Amino acid sequence: MNRKTLIASTLIATLTITLLTISRAAEPAKDAKTAPAQPEMKLPPGWTMEDMQACIQAGTPGKMQEYLTKGAGVWRGKNTMWMAPDSEPIKAECTCTITSIMDGRYVKAELKGEMPGMGAYNGLGIYGFDNVSQKFTSTLIDNQGTGIMTGTGELSADGKVLTWTYTFNCPLTKKPLPMREIETITGPKTKTLEIFSTEPKSGKEFKMMVIEFTKE
């Protein structure tokens, strides 16, 4: 945990305790003999109630988090993959299980399938919406790499297309390369995921994979 995250976590914990103290103080007294006295919590120097509210809102799930949780369930996917531009397509199938976690603040996506010539594939993604940056955020790992891929996403005005921009470390160039994912809702229980990568030899972007998903 870095210093910025530690400070934010400490402040949010302090503010949460303060709100609990205020709410409990407004409750009718129960049993003075058994109820322990609650310590008085004060705001940090220079802080206002508006500052407290901003921290609380930053951690409160809203419409964008609801958008992600609507995708919870089991999705069956039919994959078409290209190893490089103009290469022959490779067909495969996968399963993606999406689960709501952290009281609706994030979703976890577990992807399982077969990579022809490479064996079983297992991927794990955590997706959320950062109320502060107003962007979707994601972290991805899998059993065929040791790096952690991170990215941000933006939702279209009609709520049907979620475009992700990732960065990953290329094993050939030893440098960061961009990757794009476009997730398009095509029906009540169908969606398409298009993945665009950068070919390390030429530096050109190409469509690496298309997955047609159907929800069970």
C-alpha atoms as a PDB file:
ATOM      1  CA  MET A   1       0.000   0.000   0.000  1.00  0.00           C
ATOM      2  CA  ASN A   2       1.495   3.339  -1.035  1.00  0.00           C
ATOM      3  CA  ARG A   3       1.498   6.500   1.084  1.00  0.00           C
ATOM      4  CA  LYS A   4      -1.383   8.085  -0.832  1.00  0.00           C
ATOM      5  CA  THR A   5      -3.593   5.031  -0.421  1.00  0.00           C
ATOM      6  CA  LEU A   6      -2.674   4.701   3.286  1.00  0.00           C
ATOM      7  CA  ILE A   7      -3.596   8.335   3.992  1.00  0.00           C
ATOM      8  CA  ALA A   8      -6.896   8.024   2.110  1.00  0.00           C
ATOM      9  CA  SER A   9      -7.781   4.782   3.911  1.00  0.00           C
ATOM     10  CA  THR A  10      -6.991   6.326   7.310  1.00  0.00           C
ATOM     11  CA  LEU A  11      -9.093   9.401   6.624  1.00  0.00           C
ATOM     12  CA  ILE A  12     -12.066   7.388   5.370  1.00  0.00           C
ATOM     13  CA  ALA A  13     -11.876   5.086   8.413  1.00  0.00           C
ATOM     14  CA  THR A  14     -11.792   8.111  10.735  1.00  0.00           C
ATOM     15  CA  LEU A  15     -14.746   9.734   8.992  1.00  0.00           C
ATOM     16  CA  THR A  16     -16.760   6.520   9.107  1.00  0.00           C
ATOM     17  CA  ILE A  17     -16.216   6.219  12.862  1.00  0.00           C
ATOM     18  CA  THR A  18     -17.249   9.858  13.272  1.00  0.00           C
ATOM     19  CA  LEU A  19     -20.526   9.319  11.419  1.00  0.00           C
ATOM     20  CA  LEU A  20     -21.265   6.210  13.462  1.00  0.00           C
ATOM     21  CA  THR A  21     -20.626   8.187  16.626  1.00  0.00           C
ATOM     22  CA  ILE A  22     -22.981  10.965  15.528  1.00  0.00           C
ATOM     23  CA  SER A  23     -25.747   8.555  14.552  1.00  0.00           C
ATOM     24  CA  ARG A  24     -25.445   6.589  17.784  1.00  0.00           C
ATOM     25  CA  ALA A  25     -25.573   9.776  19.823  1.00  0.00           C
ATOM     26  CA  ALA A  26     -28.974  10.520  18.266  1.00  0.00           C
ATOM     27  CA  GLU A  27     -30.376   7.137  19.316  1.00  0.00           C
ATOM     28  CA  PRO A  28     -32.360   6.758  22.567  1.00  0.00           C
ATOM     29  CA  ALA A  29     -30.274   5.657  25.534  1.00  0.00           C
ATOM     30  CA  LYS A  30     -30.500   1.920  26.082  1.00  0.00           C
ATOM     31  CA  ASP A  31     -28.779   0.756  29.228  1.00  0.00           C
ATOM     32  CA  ALA A  32     -26.267   3.153  30.764  1.00  0.00           C
ATOM     33  CA  LYS A  33     -24.762   0.312  32.805  1.00  0.00           C
ATOM     34  CA  THR A  34     -23.957  -1.902  29.801  1.00  0.00           C
ATOM     35  CA  ALA A  35     -23.458   0.574  26.951  1.00  0.00           C
ATOM     36  CA  PRO A  36     -19.785   1.620  26.774  1.00  0.00           C
ATOM     37  CA  ALA A  37     -19.085   5.328  26.440  1.00  0.00           C
ATOM     38  CA  GLN A  38     -18.255   6.351  22.896  1.00  0.00           C
ATOM     39  CA  PRO A  39     -15.148   8.521  22.489  1.00  0.00           C
ATOM     40  CA  GLU A  40     -15.721  11.892  20.894  1.00  0.00           C
ATOM     41  CA  MET A  41     -14.271  12.051  17.398  1.00  0.00           C
ATOM     42  CA  LYS A  42     -13.143  15.373  15.989  1.00  0.00           C
ATOM     43  CA  LEU A  43     -12.431  16.396  12.433  1.00  0.00           C
ATOM     44  CA  PRO A  44      -8.783  16.801  11.441  1.00  0.00           C
ATOM     45  CA  PRO A  45      -7.544  20.417  11.557  1.00  0.00           C
ATOM     46  CA  GLY A  46      -8.954  22.399   8.658  1.00  0.00           C
ATOM     47  CA  TRP A  47     -11.550  19.785   7.716  1.00  0.00           C
ATOM     48  CA  THR A  48     -15.248  20.574   7.209  1.00  0.00           C
ATOM     49  CA  MET A  49     -18.396  18.461   7.074  1.00  0.00           C
ATOM     50  CA  GLU A  50     -18.304  18.965   3.284  1.00  0.00           C
ATOM     51  CA  ASP A  51     -14.873  17.300   3.247  1.00  0.00           C
ATOM     52  CA  MET A  52     -16.329  14.353   5.127  1.00  0.00           C
ATOM     53  CA  GLN A  53     -19.194  14.092   2.692  1.00  0.00           C
ATOM     54  CA  ALA A  54     -16.809  14.101  -0.280  1.00  0.00           C
ATOM     55  CA  CYS A  55     -14.925  11.122   1.163  1.00  0.00           C
ATOM     56  CA  ILE A  56     -18.158   9.258   1.832  1.00  0.00           C
ATOM     57  CA  GLN A  57     -19.437   9.876  -1.687  1.00  0.00           C
ATOM     58  CA  ALA A  58     -16.144   8.615  -3.122  1.00  0.00           C
ATOM     59  CA  GLY A  59     -16.824   5.207  -1.563  1.00  0.00           C
ATOM     60  CA  THR A  60     -20.582   4.973  -2.187  1.00  0.00           C
ATOM     61  CA  PRO A  61     -21.807   2.740  -5.048  1.00  0.00           C
ATOM     62  CA  GLY A  62     -23.967   4.483  -7.647  1.00  0.00           C
ATOM     63  CA  LYS A  63     -25.338   4.100 -11.170  1.00  0.00           C
ATOM     64  CA  MET A  64     -22.025   3.199 -12.776  1.00  0.00           C
ATOM     65  CA  GLN A  65     -21.378   0.460 -10.226  1.00  0.00           C
ATOM     66  CA  GLU A  66     -24.923  -0.792 -10.890  1.00  0.00           C
ATOM     67  CA  TYR A  67     -24.081  -0.898 -14.595  1.00  0.00           C
ATOM     68  CA  LEU A  68     -21.245  -3.330 -13.872  1.00  0.00           C
ATOM     69  CA  THR A  69     -23.242  -5.532 -11.497  1.00  0.00           C
ATOM     70  CA  LYS A  70     -25.977  -5.991 -14.115  1.00  0.00           C
ATOM     71  CA  GLY A  71     -23.499  -8.186 -15.957  1.00  0.00           C
ATOM     72  CA  ALA A  72     -23.203 -10.641 -13.057  1.00  0.00           C
ATOM     73  CA  GLY A  73     -23.712 -14.255 -14.088  1.00  0.00           C
ATOM     74  CA  VAL A  74     -22.186 -16.897 -16.348  1.00  0.00           C
ATOM     75  CA  TRP A  75     -21.360 -16.001 -19.945  1.00  0.00           C
ATOM     76  CA  ARG A  76     -20.434 -18.541 -22.655  1.00  0.00           C
ATOM     77  CA  GLY A  77     -18.056 -17.214 -25.276  1.00  0.00           C
ATOM     78  CA  LYS A  78     -17.072 -18.204 -28.816  1.00  0.00           C
ATOM     79  CA  ASN A  79     -13.588 -16.897 -29.617  1.00  0.00           C
ATOM     80  CA  THR A  80     -11.870 -16.003 -32.855  1.00  0.00           C
ATOM     81  CA  MET A  81      -8.192 -15.104 -32.372  1.00  0.00           C
ATOM     82  CA  TRP A  82      -5.389 -13.867 -34.622  1.00  0.00           C
ATOM     83  CA  MET A  83      -1.769 -14.205 -33.490  1.00  0.00           C
ATOM     84  CA  ALA A  84      -0.575 -11.459 -35.879  1.00  0.00           C
ATOM     85  CA  PRO A  85      -1.949  -9.297 -38.699  1.00  0.00           C
ATOM     86  CA  ASP A  86      -3.099 -11.318 -41.721  1.00  0.00           C
ATOM     87  CA  SER A  87      -2.624 -14.631 -39.853  1.00  0.00           C
ATOM     88  CA  GLU A  88      -5.134 -17.470 -39.991  1.00  0.00           C
ATOM     89  CA  PRO A  89      -7.941 -17.213 -37.402  1.00  0.00           C
ATOM     90  CA  ILE A  90      -7.985 -19.627 -34.467  1.00  0.00           C
ATOM     91  CA  LYS A  91     -11.317 -20.756 -33.000  1.00  0.00           C
ATOM     92  CA  ALA A  92     -11.943 -21.604 -29.342  1.00  0.00           C
ATOM     93  CA  GLU A  93     -14.531 -21.342 -26.573  1.00  0.00           C
ATOM     94  CA  CYS A  94     -14.496 -19.863 -23.069  1.00  0.00           C
ATOM     95  CA  THR A  95     -16.578 -19.232 -19.981  1.00  0.00           C
ATOM     96  CA  CYS A  96     -16.661 -15.930 -18.082  1.00  0.00           C
ATOM     97  CA  THR A  97     -18.186 -15.857 -14.598  1.00  0.00           C
ATOM     98  CA  ILE A  98     -18.912 -12.365 -13.279  1.00  0.00           C
ATOM     99  CA  THR A  99     -19.573 -11.840  -9.556  1.00  0.00           C
ATOM    100  CA  SER A 100     -20.427  -8.695  -7.612  1.00  0.00           C
ATOM    101  CA  ILE A 101     -17.995  -8.081  -4.718  1.00  0.00           C
ATOM    102  CA  MET A 102     -17.332  -5.526  -1.975  1.00  0.00           C
ATOM    103  CA  ASP A 103     -21.037  -4.763  -1.493  1.00  0.00           C
ATOM    104  CA  GLY A 104     -21.569  -3.838  -5.121  1.00  0.00           C
ATOM    105  CA  ARG A 105     -18.521  -1.615  -5.506  1.00  0.00           C
ATOM    106  CA  TYR A 106     -16.686  -3.909  -7.918  1.00  0.00           C
ATOM    107  CA  VAL A 107     -17.196  -7.010 -10.023  1.00  0.00           C
ATOM    108  CA  LYS A 108     -14.866  -9.963 -10.390  1.00  0.00           C
ATOM    109  CA  ALA A 109     -14.572 -11.683 -13.774  1.00  0.00           C
ATOM    110  CA  GLU A 110     -13.110 -15.199 -13.961  1.00  0.00           C
ATOM    111  CA  LEU A 111     -12.323 -16.325 -17.504  1.00  0.00           C
ATOM    112  CA  LYS A 112     -11.626 -19.968 -18.349  1.00  0.00           C
ATOM    113  CA  GLY A 113     -10.895 -21.559 -21.701  1.00  0.00           C
ATOM    114  CA  GLU A 114      -8.344 -23.212 -23.958  1.00  0.00           C
ATOM    115  CA  MET A 115      -5.593 -21.411 -25.865  1.00  0.00           C
ATOM    116  CA  PRO A 116      -4.737 -23.606 -28.879  1.00  0.00           C
ATOM    117  CA  GLY A 117      -1.111 -24.644 -28.617  1.00  0.00           C
ATOM    118  CA  MET A 118      -0.744 -23.071 -25.162  1.00  0.00           C
ATOM    119  CA  GLY A 119      -3.111 -25.111 -23.007  1.00  0.00           C
ATOM    120  CA  ALA A 120      -5.679 -24.080 -20.427  1.00  0.00           C
ATOM    121  CA  TYR A 121      -6.256 -20.371 -19.894  1.00  0.00           C
ATOM    122  CA  ASN A 122      -7.367 -18.824 -16.595  1.00  0.00           C
ATOM    123  CA  GLY A 123      -7.807 -15.084 -16.252  1.00  0.00           C
ATOM    124  CA  LEU A 124      -8.972 -12.886 -13.388  1.00  0.00           C
ATOM    125  CA  GLY A 125     -10.182  -9.314 -13.697  1.00  0.00           C
ATOM    126  CA  ILE A 126     -11.410  -6.778 -11.154  1.00  0.00           C
ATOM    127  CA  TYR A 127     -13.590  -4.001 -12.585  1.00  0.00           C
ATOM    128  CA  GLY A 128     -14.935  -0.878 -10.943  1.00  0.00           C
ATOM    129  CA  PHE A 129     -15.904   2.742 -11.436  1.00  0.00           C
ATOM    130  CA  ASP A 130     -13.815   5.358  -9.651  1.00  0.00           C
ATOM    131  CA  ASN A 131     -16.202   8.023  -8.346  1.00  0.00           C
ATOM    132  CA  VAL A 132     -13.314  10.478  -8.044  1.00  0.00           C
ATOM    133  CA  SER A 133     -11.771  10.171 -11.523  1.00  0.00           C
ATOM    134  CA  GLN A 134     -15.182   9.402 -13.074  1.00  0.00           C
ATOM    135  CA  LYS A 135     -13.650   6.559 -15.073  1.00  0.00           C
ATOM    136  CA  PHE A 136     -14.073   2.809 -15.128  1.00  0.00           C
ATOM    137  CA  THR A 137     -10.970   1.016 -13.862  1.00  0.00           C
ATOM    138  CA  SER A 138      -9.688  -2.516 -14.266  1.00  0.00           C
ATOM    139  CA  THR A 139      -6.866  -4.841 -13.256  1.00  0.00           C
ATOM    140  CA  LEU A 140      -6.197  -8.095 -15.143  1.00  0.00           C
ATOM    141  CA  ILE A 141      -3.967 -11.109 -14.462  1.00  0.00           C
ATOM    142  CA  ASP A 142      -3.797 -14.597 -15.980  1.00  0.00           C
ATOM    143  CA  ASN A 143      -1.929 -17.899 -15.769  1.00  0.00           C
ATOM    144  CA  GLN A 144       0.110 -17.254 -18.923  1.00  0.00           C
ATOM    145  CA  GLY A 145       1.965 -14.169 -17.752  1.00  0.00           C
ATOM    146  CA  THR A 146       3.509 -12.583 -14.669  1.00  0.00           C
ATOM    147  CA  GLY A 147       2.589  -8.949 -15.296  1.00  0.00           C
ATOM    148  CA  ILE A 148      -0.469  -7.083 -14.076  1.00  0.00           C
ATOM    149  CA  MET A 149      -2.361  -5.218 -16.796  1.00  0.00           C
ATOM    150  CA  THR A 150      -4.247  -2.103 -15.750  1.00  0.00           C
ATOM    151  CA  GLY A 151      -6.540   0.190 -17.672  1.00  0.00           C
ATOM    152  CA  THR A 152      -9.381   2.688 -17.701  1.00  0.00           C
ATOM    153  CA  GLY A 153     -12.674   2.679 -19.543  1.00  0.00           C
ATOM    154  CA  GLU A 154     -15.319   5.078 -20.823  1.00  0.00           C
ATOM    155  CA  LEU A 155     -18.989   4.328 -21.426  1.00  0.00           C
ATOM    156  CA  SER A 156     -20.855   5.617 -24.464  1.00  0.00           C
ATOM    157  CA  ALA A 157     -23.795   8.000 -24.013  1.00  0.00           C
ATOM    158  CA  ASP A 158     -26.310   5.258 -24.822  1.00  0.00           C
ATOM    159  CA  GLY A 159     -24.737   2.880 -22.283  1.00  0.00           C
ATOM    160  CA  LYS A 160     -24.108   0.137 -24.846  1.00  0.00           C
ATOM    161  CA  VAL A 161     -20.388   0.454 -25.583  1.00  0.00           C
ATOM    162  CA  LEU A 162     -17.635   0.354 -22.955  1.00  0.00           C
ATOM    163  CA  THR A 163     -14.182   1.123 -24.390  1.00  0.00           C
ATOM    164  CA  TRP A 164     -11.105   0.121 -22.401  1.00  0.00           C
ATOM    165  CA  THR A 165      -7.526   1.319 -22.826  1.00  0.00           C
ATOM    166  CA  TYR A 166      -4.844  -0.899 -21.283  1.00  0.00           C
ATOM    167  CA  THR A 167      -1.067  -0.965 -21.059  1.00  0.00           C
ATOM    168  CA  PHE A 168       1.008  -4.141 -20.850  1.00  0.00           C
ATOM    169  CA  ASN A 169       4.723  -4.957 -20.944  1.00  0.00           C
ATOM    170  CA  CYS A 170       5.661  -6.642 -24.214  1.00  0.00           C
ATOM    171  CA  PRO A 171       7.981  -9.678 -23.730  1.00  0.00           C
ATOM    172  CA  LEU A 172       9.661  -8.995 -27.101  1.00  0.00           C
ATOM    173  CA  THR A 173      10.336  -5.244 -26.937  1.00  0.00           C
ATOM    174  CA  LYS A 174      10.588  -5.130 -23.123  1.00  0.00           C
ATOM    175  CA  LYS A 175       8.549  -1.931 -23.311  1.00  0.00           C
ATOM    176  CA  PRO A 176       4.944  -0.964 -22.506  1.00  0.00           C
ATOM    177  CA  LEU A 177       2.471  -1.432 -25.354  1.00  0.00           C
ATOM    178  CA  PRO A 178      -1.158  -0.297 -25.586  1.00  0.00           C
ATOM    179  CA  MET A 179      -4.176  -2.566 -25.909  1.00  0.00           C
ATOM    180  CA  ARG A 180      -7.818  -1.678 -26.535  1.00  0.00           C
ATOM    181  CA  GLU A 181     -10.981  -3.571 -25.684  1.00  0.00           C
ATOM    182  CA  ILE A 182     -14.433  -2.633 -26.959  1.00  0.00           C
ATOM    183  CA  GLU A 183     -17.336  -4.278 -25.149  1.00  0.00           C
ATOM    184  CA  THR A 184     -20.631  -3.846 -27.007  1.00  0.00           C
ATOM    185  CA  ILE A 185     -24.028  -4.897 -25.657  1.00  0.00           C
ATOM    186  CA  THR A 186     -25.908  -6.458 -28.576  1.00  0.00           C
ATOM    187  CA  GLY A 187     -28.999  -7.774 -26.766  1.00  0.00           C
ATOM    188  CA  PRO A 188     -30.542  -8.545 -23.359  1.00  0.00           C
ATOM    189  CA  LYS A 189     -28.243 -11.553 -22.958  1.00  0.00           C
ATOM    190  CA  THR A 190     -25.587 -11.041 -25.620  1.00  0.00           C
ATOM    191  CA  LYS A 191     -22.483  -8.914 -25.987  1.00  0.00           C
ATOM    192  CA  THR A 192     -19.345  -8.756 -28.106  1.00  0.00           C
ATOM    193  CA  LEU A 193     -15.793  -8.156 -26.902  1.00  0.00           C
ATOM    194  CA  GLU A 194     -13.250  -6.945 -29.482  1.00  0.00           C
ATOM    195  CA  ILE A 195      -9.584  -6.833 -28.472  1.00  0.00           C
ATOM    196  CA  PHE A 196      -7.030  -4.784 -30.396  1.00  0.00           C
ATOM    197  CA  SER A 197      -3.327  -5.252 -29.681  1.00  0.00           C
ATOM    198  CA  THR A 198      -0.071  -3.841 -31.087  1.00  0.00           C
ATOM    199  CA  GLU A 199       2.110  -6.097 -33.222  1.00  0.00           C
ATOM    200  CA  PRO A 200       5.604  -5.731 -31.673  1.00  0.00           C
ATOM    201  CA  LYS A 201       7.530  -6.170 -34.933  1.00  0.00           C
ATOM    202  CA  SER A 202       5.719  -3.470 -36.907  1.00  0.00           C
ATOM    203  CA  GLY A 203       4.214  -1.401 -34.091  1.00  0.00           C
ATOM    204  CA  LYS A 204       0.838  -1.477 -35.866  1.00  0.00           C
ATOM    205  CA  GLU A 205      -2.477  -2.110 -34.160  1.00  0.00           C
ATOM    206  CA  PHE A 206      -4.498  -5.145 -35.262  1.00  0.00           C
ATOM    207  CA  LYS A 207      -7.600  -6.996 -34.155  1.00  0.00           C
ATOM    208  CA  MET A 208      -6.306  -9.797 -31.955  1.00  0.00           C
ATOM    209  CA  MET A 209      -9.534 -11.378 -30.736  1.00  0.00           C
ATOM    210  CA  VAL A 210     -13.315 -11.287 -30.947  1.00  0.00           C
ATOM    211  CA  ILE A 211     -15.498 -13.035 -28.364  1.00  0.00           C
ATOM    212  CA  GLU A 212     -19.236 -13.462 -28.883  1.00  0.00           C
ATOM    213  CA  PHE A 213     -20.766 -13.845 -25.417  1.00  0.00           C
ATOM    214  CA  THR A 214     -24.167 -15.286 -24.490  1.00  0.00           C
ATOM    215  CA  LYS A 215     -25.454 -15.212 -20.911  1.00  0.00           C
ATOM    216  CA  GLU A 216     -26.845 -18.405 -19.438  1.00  0.00           C
END
